[in-house]
């Protein structure tokens, strides 16, 4: 609702002629200017709110008519539409963040200045860090890893290896690029190759073990049964064939027992997890008196009431096998076994089982978790492979650290998610 230039001119030229009518015309013009100023101020405030991403503004429409009411209604509708768009974008962002938080691949987003814009929990876990804010944090593993992160071209991938708290880590790093808001960003995806290979290898060994044990048991069981029948016949017990049949029977029984241990490896029952105190479980194992007096067993649990959520029977078997290995490695000499357990910043539980027995040669260290591999004369090669299988079923992992880690010759580290 405005005043035309003709009306304004007429009012000015007829001021003294019209008297009070001219005053009313001037007053109407001043009201018009005031409303125009208020409208500009409202538009300015609305633009400021938009610049500050505040879409909650609403302009009053009471007492307005005509074009002013239509304009302010339009501005209010625009503010409501922008508010809904903002909510939708926030929901979509939370949706993408939830996806990143649940994928098993690590994601690291870098800007053009090699600054980290975003990471997900998997990347922090794979890099064995409490948090990841700058690439300088990777220098603890040497200069090679941060250099790869800075220089890997988009569309290419490479394999990086380093030693972390949980042992040797092998990561495949793949880079891609995207332009957002006129700036280029690189997205690095990290995948744990060693864990994938270990899982496939373990699965293959289990399939092979099931086939072998099935075939061997089918062949040996009749021999054991028939030889046992002959040993109970009077003519055999009094005849010259007794010793030979006895040898056949004892060998077949021993072979059945041997094969049965492999069957246990390939037919573990699914775990029944429950919460339990680690210190209570270790006290139960101490009462088995597995460690001789010549070996000092110390432990450090932080905090003392540290709890695990796993199958206590299976985890007990893990510690029993690791302690047996340590005792056999140390032998009759005085020695030490040390167990250290703690919870990391990302709530992963690490348990280090160390001993000062002879260093495991590098060639043997690469094979310690392989089923059937053993360097002991009476060994079956099942102990550590069984431990790895139990840890895998418990959503955990086991690794052999390099000699000298934390001052110990041999250290196995267990990690529980």
Foldseek 3Di string as FASTA:
>chain_A
DADDPVLVVVLVVCVVVVPVVSVVSVVRHVVRVVVVVVVVVVVVVLVVCVVVLHLPDADDLPPDDDPVNVVRVVSNVVSVVSVVVVVVVVVVVVVVLVVQQPDLKWKWKAWPVRWTDDIYPNNCVLLVHLDDGHLVVSCVFPDPVSVCSNDVDAPDKDWDWGADPQGIWIKIWHWHWDADPNTIMIMIIIDTPVVVVVVVQLVVVLVVLVVVLVVLCVVLVVLLVVLVVLLPDPVLVPDPCNVVSVVSNVVSVVVNVLSVLSVCLNDPDQWDWDKDFPVVLVVVVVVVVPADPLEAEEEAEVVNRDIDTTRSVLVSLLVVLVVNVQDVQQDPHRWYWYWYWYADSVRKIKIKIFIAGAADDPVVQVCLLPFQDDPDPPDRSRRNVSSQVRQVSQVKGKHWHDACVVHGRTMIMIIHD
